[in-house]
Amino acid sequence: MFGLHIFLGMIGPWQIAIIVVLVLLLFGGKKIPELMRGLGSGIKEFKDATKNEDEDNQIEEKK
């Protein structure tokens, strides 16, 4: 946890801007929305899967 705090303290607005520019250069402006949609759907599927697993565990506990 301590190491994460130090790492986040080192990232400033210029570093974020450089990362954004590099991503734009690597993937292009047209590809980024597609990548973000894929990331969003992956996160949604992960949340749904963990929610279903929690519901299954609750059903098993009732038995």
PDB file of N, CA and C in Angstrom:
ATOM      1  N   MET A   1       0.828  -1.183   0.000  1.00  0.00           N
ATOM      2  CA  MET A   1       0.000   0.000   0.000  1.00  0.00           C
ATOM      3  C   MET A   1       0.874   1.249   0.000  1.00  0.00           C
ATOM      4  N   PHE A   2       1.959   1.216   0.757  1.00  0.00           N
ATOM      5  CA  PHE A   2       2.847   2.365   0.832  1.00  0.00           C
ATOM      6  C   PHE A   2       3.491   2.653  -0.519  1.00  0.00           C
ATOM      7  N   GLY A   3       3.895   1.602  -1.226  1.00  0.00           N
ATOM      8  CA  GLY A   3       4.527   1.767  -2.532  1.00  0.00           C
ATOM      9  C   GLY A   3       3.577   2.360  -3.555  1.00  0.00           C
ATOM     10  N   LEU A   4       2.304   2.002  -3.474  1.00  0.00           N
ATOM     11  CA  LEU A   4       1.308   2.534  -4.399  1.00  0.00           C
ATOM     12  C   LEU A   4       1.146   4.033  -4.190  1.00  0.00           C
ATOM     13  N   HIS A   5       1.166   4.471  -2.937  1.00  0.00           N
ATOM     14  CA  HIS A   5       1.034   5.894  -2.630  1.00  0.00           C
ATOM     15  C   HIS A   5       2.197   6.688  -3.232  1.00  0.00           C
ATOM     16  N   ILE A   6       3.375   6.166  -3.137  1.00  0.00           N
ATOM     17  CA  ILE A   6       4.548   6.842  -3.699  1.00  0.00           C
ATOM     18  C   ILE A   6       4.425   6.908  -5.216  1.00  0.00           C
ATOM     19  N   PHE A   7       3.995   5.808  -5.836  1.00  0.00           N
ATOM     20  CA  PHE A   7       3.859   5.781  -7.292  1.00  0.00           C
ATOM     21  C   PHE A   7       2.833   6.802  -7.762  1.00  0.00           C
ATOM     22  N   LEU A   8       1.675   6.850  -7.098  1.00  0.00           N
ATOM     23  CA  LEU A   8       0.639   7.791  -7.508  1.00  0.00           C
ATOM     24  C   LEU A   8       1.071   9.232  -7.262  1.00  0.00           C
ATOM     25  N   GLY A   9       1.892   9.464  -6.274  1.00  0.00           N
ATOM     26  CA  GLY A   9       2.379  10.801  -6.003  1.00  0.00           C
ATOM     27  C   GLY A   9       3.317  11.308  -7.076  1.00  0.00           C
ATOM     28  N   MET A  10       3.931  10.400  -7.830  1.00  0.00           N
ATOM     29  CA  MET A  10       4.894  10.785  -8.858  1.00  0.00           C
ATOM     30  C   MET A  10       4.218  11.136 -10.177  1.00  0.00           C
ATOM     31  N   ILE A  11       2.958  10.744 -10.373  1.00  0.00           N
ATOM     32  CA  ILE A  11       2.273  11.000 -11.637  1.00  0.00           C
ATOM     33  C   ILE A  11       1.626  12.377 -11.579  1.00  0.00           C
ATOM     34  N   GLY A  12       1.994  13.226 -12.516  1.00  0.00           N
ATOM     35  CA  GLY A  12       1.452  14.570 -12.595  1.00  0.00           C
ATOM     36  C   GLY A  12       0.694  14.776 -13.890  1.00  0.00           C
ATOM     37  N   PRO A  13       0.198  15.973 -14.096  1.00  0.00           N
ATOM     38  CA  PRO A  13      -0.588  16.244 -15.312  1.00  0.00           C
ATOM     39  C   PRO A  13       0.228  16.092 -16.597  1.00  0.00           C
ATOM     40  N   TRP A  14       1.524  16.414 -16.550  1.00  0.00           N
ATOM     41  CA  TRP A  14       2.340  16.267 -17.757  1.00  0.00           C
ATOM     42  C   TRP A  14       2.539  14.806 -18.114  1.00  0.00           C
ATOM     43  N   GLN A  15       2.707  13.960 -17.118  1.00  0.00           N
ATOM     44  CA  GLN A  15       2.878  12.531 -17.390  1.00  0.00           C
ATOM     45  C   GLN A  15       1.598  11.939 -17.973  1.00  0.00           C
ATOM     46  N   ILE A  16       0.455  12.366 -17.451  1.00  0.00           N
ATOM     47  CA  ILE A  16      -0.827  11.880 -17.982  1.00  0.00           C
ATOM     48  C   ILE A  16      -0.996  12.332 -19.428  1.00  0.00           C
ATOM     49  N   ALA A  17      -0.642  13.583 -19.725  1.00  0.00           N
ATOM     50  CA  ALA A  17      -0.750  14.099 -21.094  1.00  0.00           C
ATOM     51  C   ALA A  17       0.141  13.310 -22.041  1.00  0.00           C
ATOM     52  N   ILE A  18       1.336  12.978 -21.609  1.00  0.00           N
ATOM     53  CA  ILE A  18       2.259  12.193 -22.447  1.00  0.00           C
ATOM     54  C   ILE A  18       1.681  10.805 -22.709  1.00  0.00           C
ATOM     55  N   ILE A  19       1.101  10.190 -21.697  1.00  0.00           N
ATOM     56  CA  ILE A  19       0.497   8.867 -21.876  1.00  0.00           C
ATOM     57  C   ILE A  19      -0.649   8.933 -22.863  1.00  0.00           C
ATOM     58  N   VAL A  20      -1.502   9.956 -22.758  1.00  0.00           N
ATOM     59  CA  VAL A  20      -2.631  10.110 -23.679  1.00  0.00           C
ATOM     60  C   VAL A  20      -2.135  10.289 -25.115  1.00  0.00           C
ATOM     61  N   VAL A  21      -1.110  11.095 -25.306  1.00  0.00           N
ATOM     62  CA  VAL A  21      -0.562  11.310 -26.645  1.00  0.00           C
ATOM     63  C   VAL A  21       0.011  10.005 -27.199  1.00  0.00           C
ATOM     64  N   LEU A  22       0.710   9.252 -26.379  1.00  0.00           N
ATOM     65  CA  LEU A  22       1.272   7.972 -26.842  1.00  0.00           C
ATOM     66  C   LEU A  22       0.171   6.994 -27.230  1.00  0.00           C
ATOM     67  N   VAL A  23      -0.902   6.945 -26.445  1.00  0.00           N
ATOM     68  CA  VAL A  23      -2.025   6.053 -26.774  1.00  0.00           C
ATOM     69  C   VAL A  23      -2.649   6.480 -28.094  1.00  0.00           C
ATOM     70  N   LEU A  24      -2.824   7.785 -28.287  1.00  0.00           N
ATOM     71  CA  LEU A  24      -3.380   8.266 -29.555  1.00  0.00           C
ATOM     72  C   LEU A  24      -2.484   7.904 -30.736  1.00  0.00           C
ATOM     73  N   LEU A  25      -1.184   8.018 -30.551  1.00  0.00           N
ATOM     74  CA  LEU A  25      -0.260   7.672 -31.635  1.00  0.00           C
ATOM     75  C   LEU A  25      -0.263   6.176 -31.933  1.00  0.00           C
ATOM     76  N   LEU A  26      -0.351   5.366 -30.889  1.00  0.00           N
ATOM     77  CA  LEU A  26      -0.316   3.916 -31.093  1.00  0.00           C
ATOM     78  C   LEU A  26      -1.598   3.377 -31.709  1.00  0.00           C
ATOM     79  N   PHE A  27      -2.747   3.840 -31.218  1.00  0.00           N
ATOM     80  CA  PHE A  27      -4.012   3.244 -31.632  1.00  0.00           C
ATOM     81  C   PHE A  27      -4.789   4.096 -32.626  1.00  0.00           C
ATOM     82  N   GLY A  28      -4.538   5.364 -32.683  1.00  0.00           N
ATOM     83  CA  GLY A  28      -5.290   6.240 -33.574  1.00  0.00           C
ATOM     84  C   GLY A  28      -6.613   6.652 -32.941  1.00  0.00           C
ATOM     85  N   GLY A  29      -7.139   7.765 -33.380  1.00  0.00           N
ATOM     86  CA  GLY A  29      -8.364   8.313 -32.804  1.00  0.00           C
ATOM     87  C   GLY A  29      -9.591   7.450 -33.049  1.00  0.00           C
ATOM     88  N   LYS A  30      -9.620   6.737 -34.158  1.00  0.00           N
ATOM     89  CA  LYS A  30     -10.803   5.936 -34.485  1.00  0.00           C
ATOM     90  C   LYS A  30     -10.870   4.646 -33.677  1.00  0.00           C
ATOM     91  N   LYS A  31      -9.742   4.140 -33.264  1.00  0.00           N
ATOM     92  CA  LYS A  31      -9.694   2.850 -32.587  1.00  0.00           C
ATOM     93  C   LYS A  31      -9.993   2.972 -31.087  1.00  0.00           C
ATOM     94  N   ILE A  32      -9.742   4.133 -30.490  1.00  0.00           N
ATOM     95  CA  ILE A  32      -9.883   4.302 -29.041  1.00  0.00           C
ATOM     96  C   ILE A  32     -11.318   4.091 -28.554  1.00  0.00           C
ATOM     97  N   PRO A  33     -12.367   4.661 -29.208  1.00  0.00           N
ATOM     98  CA  PRO A  33     -13.729   4.386 -28.728  1.00  0.00           C
ATOM     99  C   PRO A  33     -14.077   2.895 -28.734  1.00  0.00           C
ATOM    100  N   GLU A  34     -13.586   2.195 -29.749  1.00  0.00           N
ATOM    101  CA  GLU A  34     -13.821   0.745 -29.820  1.00  0.00           C
ATOM    102  C   GLU A  34     -13.138   0.034 -28.651  1.00  0.00           C
ATOM    103  N   LEU A  35     -11.926   0.435 -28.331  1.00  0.00           N
ATOM    104  CA  LEU A  35     -11.203  -0.156 -27.207  1.00  0.00           C
ATOM    105  C   LEU A  35     -11.919   0.120 -25.890  1.00  0.00           C
ATOM    106  N   MET A  36     -12.421   1.339 -25.717  1.00  0.00           N
ATOM    107  CA  MET A  36     -13.117   1.699 -24.483  1.00  0.00           C
ATOM    108  C   MET A  36     -14.427   0.934 -24.344  1.00  0.00           C
ATOM    109  N   ARG A  37     -15.140   0.741 -25.462  1.00  0.00           N
ATOM    110  CA  ARG A  37     -16.379  -0.059 -25.421  1.00  0.00           C
ATOM    111  C   ARG A  37     -16.068  -1.487 -24.993  1.00  0.00           C
ATOM    112  N   GLY A  38     -15.002  -2.048 -25.544  1.00  0.00           N
ATOM    113  CA  GLY A  38     -14.601  -3.401 -25.168  1.00  0.00           C
ATOM    114  C   GLY A  38     -14.225  -3.482 -23.700  1.00  0.00           C
ATOM    115  N   LEU A  39     -13.514  -2.483 -23.212  1.00  0.00           N
ATOM    116  CA  LEU A  39     -13.131  -2.450 -21.803  1.00  0.00           C
ATOM    117  C   LEU A  39     -14.367  -2.341 -20.914  1.00  0.00           C
ATOM    118  N   GLY A  40     -15.302  -1.472 -21.298  1.00  0.00           N
ATOM    119  CA  GLY A  40     -16.536  -1.306 -20.515  1.00  0.00           C
ATOM    120  C   GLY A  40     -17.367  -2.576 -20.480  1.00  0.00           C
ATOM    121  N   SER A  41     -17.498  -3.241 -21.611  1.00  0.00           N
ATOM    122  CA  SER A  41     -18.284  -4.480 -21.639  1.00  0.00           C
ATOM    123  C   SER A  41     -17.584  -5.582 -20.845  1.00  0.00           C
ATOM    124  N   GLY A  42     -16.265  -5.594 -20.869  1.00  0.00           N
ATOM    125  CA  GLY A  42     -15.533  -6.586 -20.074  1.00  0.00           C
ATOM    126  C   GLY A  42     -15.723  -6.365 -18.588  1.00  0.00           C
ATOM    127  N   ILE A  43     -15.687  -5.109 -18.159  1.00  0.00           N
ATOM    128  CA  ILE A  43     -15.911  -4.800 -16.743  1.00  0.00           C
ATOM    129  C   ILE A  43     -17.331  -5.167 -16.343  1.00  0.00           C
ATOM    130  N   LYS A  44     -18.301  -4.868 -17.215  1.00  0.00           N
ATOM    131  CA  LYS A  44     -19.703  -5.206 -16.920  1.00  0.00           C
ATOM    132  C   LYS A  44     -19.881  -6.713 -16.786  1.00  0.00           C
ATOM    133  N   GLU A  45     -19.296  -7.473 -17.685  1.00  0.00           N
ATOM    134  CA  GLU A  45     -19.391  -8.933 -17.612  1.00  0.00           C
ATOM    135  C   GLU A  45     -18.748  -9.459 -16.332  1.00  0.00           C
ATOM    136  N   PHE A  46     -17.626  -8.884 -15.937  1.00  0.00           N
ATOM    137  CA  PHE A  46     -16.957  -9.300 -14.710  1.00  0.00           C
ATOM    138  C   PHE A  46     -17.841  -9.032 -13.494  1.00  0.00           C
ATOM    139  N   LYS A  47     -18.453  -7.848 -13.444  1.00  0.00           N
ATOM    140  CA  LYS A  47     -19.338  -7.515 -12.325  1.00  0.00           C
ATOM    141  C   LYS A  47     -20.546  -8.451 -12.283  1.00  0.00           C
ATOM    142  N   ASP A  48     -21.123  -8.733 -13.466  1.00  0.00           N
ATOM    143  CA  ASP A  48     -22.269  -9.649 -13.524  1.00  0.00           C
ATOM    144  C   ASP A  48     -21.876 -11.044 -13.051  1.00  0.00           C
ATOM    145  N   ALA A  49     -20.697 -11.499 -13.431  1.00  0.00           N
ATOM    146  CA  ALA A  49     -20.241 -12.835 -13.039  1.00  0.00           C
ATOM    147  C   ALA A  49     -20.020 -12.906 -11.533  1.00  0.00           C
ATOM    148  N   THR A  50     -19.427 -11.878 -10.955  1.00  0.00           N
ATOM    149  CA  THR A  50     -19.206 -11.902  -9.501  1.00  0.00           C
ATOM    150  C   THR A  50     -20.528 -11.777  -8.765  1.00  0.00           C
ATOM    151  N   LYS A  51     -21.476 -11.014  -9.313  1.00  0.00           N
ATOM    152  CA  LYS A  51     -22.795 -10.886  -8.689  1.00  0.00           C
ATOM    153  C   LYS A  51     -23.519 -12.229  -8.711  1.00  0.00           C
ATOM    154  N   ASN A  52     -23.467 -12.926  -9.852  1.00  0.00           N
ATOM    155  CA  ASN A  52     -24.110 -14.237  -9.956  1.00  0.00           C
ATOM    156  C   ASN A  52     -23.460 -15.239  -9.012  1.00  0.00           C
ATOM    157  N   GLU A  53     -22.147 -15.164  -8.859  1.00  0.00           N
ATOM    158  CA  GLU A  53     -21.445 -16.070  -7.959  1.00  0.00           C
ATOM    159  C   GLU A  53     -21.863 -15.820  -6.510  1.00  0.00           C
ATOM    160  N   ASP A  54     -22.013 -14.561  -6.141  1.00  0.00           N
ATOM    161  CA  ASP A  54     -22.459 -14.232  -4.785  1.00  0.00           C
ATOM    162  C   ASP A  54     -23.872 -14.751  -4.538  1.00  0.00           C
ATOM    163  N   GLU A  55     -24.745 -14.612  -5.541  1.00  0.00           N
ATOM    164  CA  GLU A  55     -26.111 -15.121  -5.403  1.00  0.00           C
ATOM    165  C   GLU A  55     -26.112 -16.635  -5.264  1.00  0.00           C
ATOM    166  N   ASP A  56     -25.267 -17.321  -6.029  1.00  0.00           N
ATOM    167  CA  ASP A  56     -25.174 -18.776  -5.939  1.00  0.00           C
ATOM    168  C   ASP A  56     -24.690 -19.207  -4.558  1.00  0.00           C
ATOM    169  N   ASN A  57     -23.719 -18.476  -4.006  1.00  0.00           N
ATOM    170  CA  ASN A  57     -23.214 -18.802  -2.675  1.00  0.00           C
ATOM    171  C   ASN A  57     -24.289 -18.609  -1.618  1.00  0.00           C
ATOM    172  N   GLN A  58     -25.124 -17.572  -1.755  1.00  0.00           N
ATOM    173  CA  GLN A  58     -26.190 -17.334  -0.794  1.00  0.00           C
ATOM    174  C   GLN A  58     -27.235 -18.440  -0.869  1.00  0.00           C
ATOM    175  N   ILE A  59     -27.536 -18.908  -2.081  1.00  0.00           N
ATOM    176  CA  ILE A  59     -28.500 -19.999  -2.234  1.00  0.00           C
ATOM    177  C   ILE A  59     -27.978 -21.271  -1.597  1.00  0.00           C
ATOM    178  N   GLU A  60     -26.692 -21.571  -1.774  1.00  0.00           N
ATOM    179  CA  GLU A  60     -26.095 -22.765  -1.173  1.00  0.00           C
ATOM    180  C   GLU A  60     -26.077 -22.672   0.347  1.00  0.00           C
ATOM    181  N   GLU A  61     -25.893 -21.479   0.899  1.00  0.00           N
ATOM    182  CA  GLU A  61     -25.874 -21.307   2.348  1.00  0.00           C
ATOM    183  C   GLU A  61     -27.253 -21.551   2.945  1.00  0.00           C
ATOM    184  N   LYS A  62     -28.311 -21.229   2.202  1.00  0.00           N
ATOM    185  CA  LYS A  62     -29.687 -21.428   2.696  1.00  0.00           C
ATOM    186  C   LYS A  62     -30.034 -22.901   2.778  1.00  0.00           C
ATOM    187  N   LYS A  63     -29.388 -23.729   1.962  1.00  0.00           N
ATOM    188  CA  LYS A  63     -29.716 -25.165   1.926  1.00  0.00           C
ATOM    189  C   LYS A  63     -29.181 -25.853   3.115  1.00  0.00           C
TER     190      LYS A  63
END
